[in-house]
Amino acid sequence: MILPITLTIAGAAALVNIWLMIRVGQVRTSEKVSVGDGGNEKVIRRMRAHANFGESLPIILILIAVIELATGSSTWLWIVGGLYMLGRVAHGIGMDGGKLGKGRMIGTVLTMLITLGLGAYAIAIPYLISVDMGTQPASIQAG
């Protein structure tokens, strides 16, 4: 089975990941820090933006994939995936601070809300589907 939403979001995530890597490399070059963060706040900010993306992405992709497998493609799942990616770009830019610092908050809040929403929906799916089919989940039937 092809999962178009998951594949698209995974591909977009690869591009955002490369963009974040390039941004780290650029600040490393400009600040002359070749290994680690050198105690340099600009390098630390860019590294954390990249690391934070890597920390949140796996669970988001897993949730999108299992929801897409369970329920099929849907407009709202496309929107959620797109909002996640926009939020991560906003977070990456916002981590530089200054006038664009609100992007960090926007990205963080979007990521948290999307993770909460996807997680709650993933938990609910087996019970919603069983109600639609007029049956109980296997775990309830056995008990």
N, C-alpha and C. Protein backbone atom coordinates (compact mmCIF):
# COMPACT_ATOMS: atom_id res chain seq x y z
N MET A 1 0.83 -1.18 0.00
CA MET A 1 0.00 0.00 0.00
C MET A 1 0.88 1.24 0.00
N ILE A 2 0.57 2.17 -0.86
CA ILE A 2 1.31 3.42 -0.92
C ILE A 2 0.64 4.41 0.02
N LEU A 3 1.45 5.10 0.80
CA LEU A 3 0.96 6.10 1.75
C LEU A 3 1.37 7.49 1.24
N PRO A 4 0.56 8.12 0.40
CA PRO A 4 0.97 9.37 -0.22
C PRO A 4 1.25 10.51 0.76
N ILE A 5 0.47 10.60 1.82
CA ILE A 5 0.69 11.69 2.78
C ILE A 5 2.02 11.46 3.50
N THR A 6 2.21 10.26 4.00
CA THR A 6 3.44 9.94 4.72
C THR A 6 4.66 10.13 3.83
N LEU A 7 4.59 9.64 2.61
CA LEU A 7 5.72 9.78 1.69
C LEU A 7 6.02 11.25 1.39
N THR A 8 4.98 12.05 1.19
CA THR A 8 5.18 13.47 0.89
C THR A 8 5.79 14.20 2.07
N ILE A 9 5.25 13.95 3.26
CA ILE A 9 5.78 14.61 4.46
C ILE A 9 7.21 14.14 4.74
N ALA A 10 7.50 12.86 4.54
CA ALA A 10 8.87 12.36 4.74
C ALA A 10 9.83 13.03 3.75
N GLY A 11 9.40 13.17 2.50
CA GLY A 11 10.24 13.85 1.51
C GLY A 11 10.47 15.31 1.86
N ALA A 12 9.40 15.99 2.26
CA ALA A 12 9.53 17.40 2.67
C ALA A 12 10.43 17.51 3.89
N ALA A 13 10.32 16.56 4.82
CA ALA A 13 11.16 16.56 6.01
C ALA A 13 12.63 16.41 5.65
N ALA A 14 12.92 15.59 4.66
CA ALA A 14 14.31 15.44 4.21
C ALA A 14 14.86 16.78 3.71
N LEU A 15 14.03 17.51 2.98
CA LEU A 15 14.46 18.82 2.47
C LEU A 15 14.66 19.83 3.60
N VAL A 16 13.74 19.84 4.56
CA VAL A 16 13.89 20.75 5.71
C VAL A 16 15.13 20.36 6.51
N ASN A 17 15.38 19.08 6.66
CA ASN A 17 16.57 18.62 7.38
C ASN A 17 17.84 19.10 6.70
N ILE A 18 17.89 18.99 5.39
CA ILE A 18 19.07 19.49 4.66
C ILE A 18 19.22 20.99 4.85
N TRP A 19 18.11 21.73 4.76
CA TRP A 19 18.14 23.18 4.96
C TRP A 19 18.69 23.52 6.35
N LEU A 20 18.23 22.80 7.39
CA LEU A 20 18.72 23.05 8.74
C LEU A 20 20.21 22.71 8.86
N MET A 21 20.65 21.63 8.19
CA MET A 21 22.07 21.26 8.19
C MET A 21 22.93 22.35 7.56
N ILE A 22 22.44 22.87 6.45
CA ILE A 22 23.17 23.94 5.75
C ILE A 22 23.28 25.17 6.65
N ARG A 23 22.19 25.50 7.34
CA ARG A 23 22.22 26.66 8.25
C ARG A 23 23.24 26.47 9.37
N VAL A 24 23.36 25.25 9.89
CA VAL A 24 24.37 24.98 10.91
C VAL A 24 25.76 25.17 10.30
N GLY A 25 25.97 24.62 9.12
CA GLY A 25 27.27 24.76 8.46
C GLY A 25 27.64 26.21 8.18
N GLN A 26 26.66 27.00 7.77
CA GLN A 26 26.91 28.41 7.50
C GLN A 26 27.37 29.16 8.75
N VAL A 27 26.70 28.93 9.86
CA VAL A 27 27.07 29.64 11.09
C VAL A 27 28.39 29.10 11.64
N ARG A 28 28.64 27.81 11.46
CA ARG A 28 29.94 27.26 11.88
C ARG A 28 31.07 27.94 11.12
N THR A 29 30.88 28.11 9.81
CA THR A 29 31.90 28.75 8.99
C THR A 29 32.10 30.21 9.39
N SER A 30 30.99 30.93 9.52
CA SER A 30 31.10 32.36 9.85
C SER A 30 31.67 32.59 11.25
N GLU A 31 31.42 31.67 12.17
CA GLU A 31 31.89 31.82 13.55
C GLU A 31 33.19 31.05 13.80
N LYS A 32 33.70 30.38 12.75
CA LYS A 32 34.94 29.62 12.83
C LYS A 32 34.92 28.56 13.96
N VAL A 33 33.83 27.76 13.96
CA VAL A 33 33.68 26.66 14.92
C VAL A 33 33.56 25.38 14.10
N SER A 34 34.60 24.54 14.14
CA SER A 34 34.55 23.34 13.30
C SER A 34 33.99 22.10 14.00
N VAL A 35 34.17 22.01 15.32
CA VAL A 35 33.69 20.85 16.07
C VAL A 35 32.91 21.33 17.29
N GLY A 36 31.79 20.65 17.56
CA GLY A 36 30.99 21.04 18.72
C GLY A 36 30.36 22.40 18.52
N ASP A 37 30.07 23.07 19.63
CA ASP A 37 29.46 24.39 19.52
C ASP A 37 30.40 25.52 19.87
N GLY A 38 31.58 25.18 20.41
CA GLY A 38 32.57 26.20 20.75
C GLY A 38 32.06 27.22 21.77
N GLY A 39 30.95 26.92 22.45
CA GLY A 39 30.39 27.87 23.39
C GLY A 39 29.76 29.07 22.70
N ASN A 40 29.61 28.99 21.38
CA ASN A 40 29.09 30.10 20.60
C ASN A 40 27.56 30.01 20.54
N GLU A 41 26.87 31.06 21.00
CA GLU A 41 25.41 31.02 21.07
C GLU A 41 24.77 30.88 19.70
N LYS A 42 25.32 31.49 18.67
CA LYS A 42 24.73 31.36 17.33
C LYS A 42 24.79 29.90 16.86
N VAL A 43 25.92 29.26 17.10
CA VAL A 43 26.08 27.86 16.70
C VAL A 43 25.14 26.98 17.52
N ILE A 44 25.07 27.24 18.82
CA ILE A 44 24.19 26.46 19.69
C ILE A 44 22.74 26.57 19.23
N ARG A 45 22.30 27.77 18.91
CA ARG A 45 20.91 27.98 18.47
C ARG A 45 20.61 27.19 17.20
N ARG A 46 21.50 27.26 16.23
CA ARG A 46 21.27 26.54 14.97
C ARG A 46 21.34 25.04 15.18
N MET A 47 22.27 24.59 16.00
CA MET A 47 22.37 23.15 16.27
C MET A 47 21.12 22.64 16.98
N ARG A 48 20.60 23.43 17.93
CA ARG A 48 19.39 23.01 18.65
C ARG A 48 18.17 23.00 17.73
N ALA A 49 18.10 23.94 16.80
CA ALA A 49 16.98 23.95 15.85
C ALA A 49 17.01 22.66 15.03
N HIS A 50 18.20 22.28 14.60
CA HIS A 50 18.34 21.05 13.81
C HIS A 50 18.04 19.83 14.67
N ALA A 51 18.59 19.78 15.87
CA ALA A 51 18.38 18.64 16.76
C ALA A 51 16.90 18.52 17.16
N ASN A 52 16.26 19.65 17.42
CA ASN A 52 14.86 19.62 17.82
C ASN A 52 13.99 19.04 16.72
N PHE A 53 14.32 19.37 15.49
CA PHE A 53 13.60 18.81 14.35
C PHE A 53 13.74 17.29 14.35
N GLY A 54 14.97 16.83 14.52
CA GLY A 54 15.22 15.39 14.55
C GLY A 54 14.57 14.68 15.72
N GLU A 55 14.33 15.39 16.79
CA GLU A 55 13.69 14.80 17.97
C GLU A 55 12.18 14.63 17.79
N SER A 56 11.56 15.56 17.09
CA SER A 56 10.10 15.50 16.95
C SER A 56 9.64 14.75 15.70
N LEU A 57 10.46 14.73 14.68
CA LEU A 57 10.04 14.15 13.40
C LEU A 57 9.66 12.67 13.46
N PRO A 58 10.43 11.80 14.10
CA PRO A 58 10.08 10.37 14.05
C PRO A 58 8.67 10.06 14.54
N ILE A 59 8.27 10.62 15.68
CA ILE A 59 6.95 10.29 16.21
C ILE A 59 5.86 10.87 15.31
N ILE A 60 6.09 12.04 14.74
CA ILE A 60 5.10 12.64 13.83
C ILE A 60 4.93 11.75 12.60
N LEU A 61 6.03 11.32 12.00
CA LEU A 61 5.94 10.46 10.82
C LEU A 61 5.28 9.12 11.14
N ILE A 62 5.62 8.57 12.29
CA ILE A 62 4.99 7.30 12.68
C ILE A 62 3.49 7.49 12.84
N LEU A 63 3.09 8.54 13.54
CA LEU A 63 1.67 8.79 13.75
C LEU A 63 0.93 9.03 12.44
N ILE A 64 1.51 9.84 11.56
CA ILE A 64 0.87 10.08 10.27
C ILE A 64 0.73 8.77 9.50
N ALA A 65 1.78 7.95 9.51
CA ALA A 65 1.75 6.68 8.77
C ALA A 65 0.69 5.72 9.32
N VAL A 66 0.65 5.56 10.64
CA VAL A 66 -0.32 4.59 11.18
C VAL A 66 -1.75 5.09 11.03
N ILE A 67 -1.94 6.39 11.14
CA ILE A 67 -3.29 6.95 10.93
C ILE A 67 -3.68 6.79 9.47
N GLU A 68 -2.75 7.06 8.57
CA GLU A 68 -3.05 6.90 7.14
C GLU A 68 -3.33 5.43 6.81
N LEU A 69 -2.58 4.52 7.40
CA LEU A 69 -2.85 3.09 7.20
C LEU A 69 -4.23 2.70 7.72
N ALA A 70 -4.60 3.23 8.86
CA ALA A 70 -5.86 2.85 9.49
C ALA A 70 -7.08 3.49 8.84
N THR A 71 -6.91 4.72 8.35
CA THR A 71 -8.09 5.46 7.89
C THR A 71 -8.03 5.88 6.44
N GLY A 72 -6.87 5.74 5.79
CA GLY A 72 -6.72 6.20 4.41
C GLY A 72 -6.31 7.66 4.36
N SER A 73 -6.12 8.15 3.15
CA SER A 73 -5.75 9.55 2.96
C SER A 73 -6.94 10.44 3.28
N SER A 74 -6.65 11.57 3.87
CA SER A 74 -7.70 12.53 4.16
C SER A 74 -7.15 13.94 4.09
N THR A 75 -8.01 14.87 3.76
CA THR A 75 -7.60 16.26 3.62
C THR A 75 -7.02 16.78 4.93
N TRP A 76 -7.64 16.44 6.05
CA TRP A 76 -7.15 16.99 7.32
C TRP A 76 -5.76 16.47 7.65
N LEU A 77 -5.43 15.24 7.26
CA LEU A 77 -4.09 14.70 7.53
C LEU A 77 -3.05 15.40 6.66
N TRP A 78 -3.42 15.73 5.43
CA TRP A 78 -2.54 16.55 4.56
C TRP A 78 -2.27 17.89 5.23
N ILE A 79 -3.32 18.52 5.73
CA ILE A 79 -3.19 19.84 6.36
C ILE A 79 -2.30 19.76 7.59
N VAL A 80 -2.53 18.76 8.42
CA VAL A 80 -1.73 18.59 9.64
C VAL A 80 -0.26 18.39 9.29
N GLY A 81 0.01 17.55 8.31
CA GLY A 81 1.40 17.33 7.88
C GLY A 81 2.05 18.60 7.36
N GLY A 82 1.30 19.35 6.56
CA GLY A 82 1.82 20.61 6.03
C GLY A 82 2.06 21.64 7.13
N LEU A 83 1.14 21.72 8.09
CA LEU A 83 1.32 22.65 9.21
C LEU A 83 2.54 22.27 10.05
N TYR A 84 2.74 20.98 10.24
CA TYR A 84 3.93 20.54 10.98
C TYR A 84 5.20 21.03 10.29
N MET A 85 5.27 20.84 8.97
CA MET A 85 6.47 21.25 8.25
C MET A 85 6.66 22.77 8.31
N LEU A 86 5.58 23.53 8.14
CA LEU A 86 5.68 24.99 8.24
C LEU A 86 6.11 25.41 9.65
N GLY A 87 5.58 24.73 10.64
CA GLY A 87 5.97 25.03 12.02
C GLY A 87 7.44 24.78 12.29
N ARG A 88 7.96 23.71 11.70
CA ARG A 88 9.39 23.40 11.90
C ARG A 88 10.28 24.41 11.19
N VAL A 89 9.85 24.90 10.03
CA VAL A 89 10.62 25.96 9.35
C VAL A 89 10.57 27.23 10.20
N ALA A 90 9.38 27.59 10.69
CA ALA A 90 9.25 28.78 11.54
C ALA A 90 10.13 28.65 12.78
N HIS A 91 10.15 27.46 13.37
CA HIS A 91 10.98 27.22 14.55
C HIS A 91 12.46 27.41 14.21
N GLY A 92 12.89 26.84 13.09
CA GLY A 92 14.29 26.97 12.69
C GLY A 92 14.72 28.42 12.51
N ILE A 93 13.87 29.20 11.87
CA ILE A 93 14.17 30.62 11.67
C ILE A 93 14.09 31.36 13.00
N GLY A 94 13.08 31.03 13.79
CA GLY A 94 12.90 31.70 15.07
C GLY A 94 14.02 31.45 16.06
N MET A 95 14.70 30.34 15.93
CA MET A 95 15.81 30.04 16.85
C MET A 95 16.97 31.01 16.69
N ASP A 96 17.00 31.76 15.59
CA ASP A 96 18.05 32.78 15.43
C ASP A 96 17.80 33.97 16.33
N GLY A 97 16.59 34.09 16.89
CA GLY A 97 16.27 35.19 17.79
C GLY A 97 15.92 36.45 17.02
N GLY A 98 16.03 37.56 17.68
CA GLY A 98 15.73 38.85 17.05
C GLY A 98 14.26 39.00 16.72
N LYS A 99 13.98 39.75 15.67
CA LYS A 99 12.61 40.05 15.26
C LYS A 99 11.83 38.81 14.85
N LEU A 100 12.53 37.79 14.39
CA LEU A 100 11.88 36.57 13.93
C LEU A 100 11.72 35.53 15.04
N GLY A 101 12.06 35.91 16.27
CA GLY A 101 12.02 34.98 17.40
C GLY A 101 10.66 34.37 17.68
N LYS A 102 9.57 35.03 17.24
CA LYS A 102 8.24 34.47 17.45
C LYS A 102 8.05 33.16 16.68
N GLY A 103 8.82 32.96 15.64
CA GLY A 103 8.73 31.72 14.87
C GLY A 103 9.04 30.51 15.73
N ARG A 104 9.94 30.68 16.69
CA ARG A 104 10.28 29.57 17.59
C ARG A 104 9.06 29.16 18.38
N MET A 105 8.35 30.14 18.95
CA MET A 105 7.17 29.84 19.74
C MET A 105 6.07 29.23 18.87
N ILE A 106 5.87 29.80 17.69
CA ILE A 106 4.84 29.28 16.77
C ILE A 106 5.15 27.83 16.41
N GLY A 107 6.39 27.56 16.06
CA GLY A 107 6.79 26.20 15.70
C GLY A 107 6.65 25.22 16.84
N THR A 108 7.02 25.67 18.03
CA THR A 108 6.92 24.80 19.21
C THR A 108 5.46 24.48 19.53
N VAL A 109 4.62 25.50 19.55
CA VAL A 109 3.21 25.29 19.87
C VAL A 109 2.55 24.40 18.82
N LEU A 110 2.82 24.67 17.54
CA LEU A 110 2.25 23.82 16.48
C LEU A 110 2.68 22.37 16.64
N THR A 111 3.96 22.16 16.90
CA THR A 111 4.46 20.79 17.05
C THR A 111 3.80 20.09 18.23
N MET A 112 3.65 20.78 19.34
CA MET A 112 3.04 20.17 20.52
C MET A 112 1.56 19.85 20.26
N LEU A 113 0.83 20.79 19.67
CA LEU A 113 -0.59 20.56 19.39
C LEU A 113 -0.80 19.44 18.37
N ILE A 114 0.04 19.42 17.34
CA ILE A 114 -0.06 18.37 16.32
C ILE A 114 0.27 17.01 16.93
N THR A 115 1.30 16.94 17.75
CA THR A 115 1.65 15.68 18.39
C THR A 115 0.51 15.20 19.30
N LEU A 116 -0.04 16.10 20.07
CA LEU A 116 -1.17 15.77 20.95
C LEU A 116 -2.37 15.29 20.14
N GLY A 117 -2.72 16.03 19.09
CA GLY A 117 -3.87 15.67 18.28
C GLY A 117 -3.70 14.35 17.57
N LEU A 118 -2.55 14.15 16.94
CA LEU A 118 -2.30 12.88 16.25
C LEU A 118 -2.27 11.71 17.24
N GLY A 119 -1.63 11.93 18.39
CA GLY A 119 -1.56 10.87 19.39
C GLY A 119 -2.93 10.48 19.91
N ALA A 120 -3.74 11.48 20.21
CA ALA A 120 -5.09 11.21 20.71
C ALA A 120 -5.93 10.50 19.65
N TYR A 121 -5.81 10.94 18.41
CA TYR A 121 -6.59 10.32 17.35
C TYR A 121 -6.13 8.88 17.12
N ALA A 122 -4.82 8.64 17.17
CA ALA A 122 -4.31 7.28 17.00
C ALA A 122 -4.84 6.36 18.09
N ILE A 123 -4.92 6.87 19.31
CA ILE A 123 -5.47 6.07 20.41
C ILE A 123 -6.95 5.78 20.17
N ALA A 124 -7.67 6.76 19.64
CA ALA A 124 -9.12 6.64 19.46
C ALA A 124 -9.53 5.79 18.27
N ILE A 125 -8.70 5.70 17.25
CA ILE A 125 -9.09 5.02 16.01
C ILE A 125 -9.67 3.62 16.22
N PRO A 126 -9.02 2.74 16.97
CA PRO A 126 -9.59 1.39 17.10
C PRO A 126 -11.00 1.40 17.69
N TYR A 127 -11.27 2.33 18.56
CA TYR A 127 -12.57 2.39 19.22
C TYR A 127 -13.60 3.08 18.33
N LEU A 128 -13.16 4.07 17.56
CA LEU A 128 -14.06 4.73 16.62
C LEU A 128 -14.46 3.78 15.50
N ILE A 129 -13.50 3.02 15.01
CA ILE A 129 -13.79 2.07 13.93
C ILE A 129 -14.72 0.97 14.43
N SER A 130 -14.49 0.48 15.65
CA SER A 130 -15.35 -0.59 16.17
C SER A 130 -16.77 -0.10 16.39
N VAL A 131 -16.95 1.15 16.77
CA VAL A 131 -18.28 1.72 16.94
C VAL A 131 -18.97 1.81 15.59
N ASP A 132 -18.23 2.25 14.56
CA ASP A 132 -18.79 2.34 13.21
C ASP A 132 -19.22 0.98 12.69
N MET A 133 -18.49 -0.07 13.05
CA MET A 133 -18.78 -1.41 12.56
C MET A 133 -19.73 -2.17 13.49
N GLY A 134 -20.07 -1.56 14.62
CA GLY A 134 -20.98 -2.21 15.56
C GLY A 134 -20.34 -3.34 16.34
N THR A 135 -19.01 -3.32 16.44
CA THR A 135 -18.30 -4.36 17.18
C THR A 135 -17.43 -3.72 18.23
N GLN A 136 -16.86 -4.53 19.09
CA GLN A 136 -15.92 -4.06 20.09
C GLN A 136 -14.52 -4.46 19.66
N PRO A 137 -13.49 -3.68 20.08
CA PRO A 137 -12.12 -4.10 19.79
C PRO A 137 -11.86 -5.49 20.37
N ALA A 138 -10.94 -6.22 19.77
CA ALA A 138 -10.63 -7.60 20.18
C ALA A 138 -10.24 -7.66 21.66
N SER A 139 -9.55 -6.65 22.16
CA SER A 139 -9.11 -6.67 23.55
C SER A 139 -10.31 -6.62 24.50
N ILE A 140 -11.38 -5.93 24.10
CA ILE A 140 -12.58 -5.87 24.94
C ILE A 140 -13.37 -7.16 24.82
N GLN A 141 -13.43 -7.71 23.59
CA GLN A 141 -14.19 -8.95 23.36
C GLN A 141 -13.60 -10.09 24.19
N ALA A 142 -12.26 -10.15 24.26
CA ALA A 142 -11.60 -11.26 24.97
C ALA A 142 -11.82 -11.15 26.48
N GLY A 143 -12.01 -9.92 26.98
CA GLY A 143 -12.11 -9.72 28.43
C GLY A 143 -13.46 -9.90 28.91
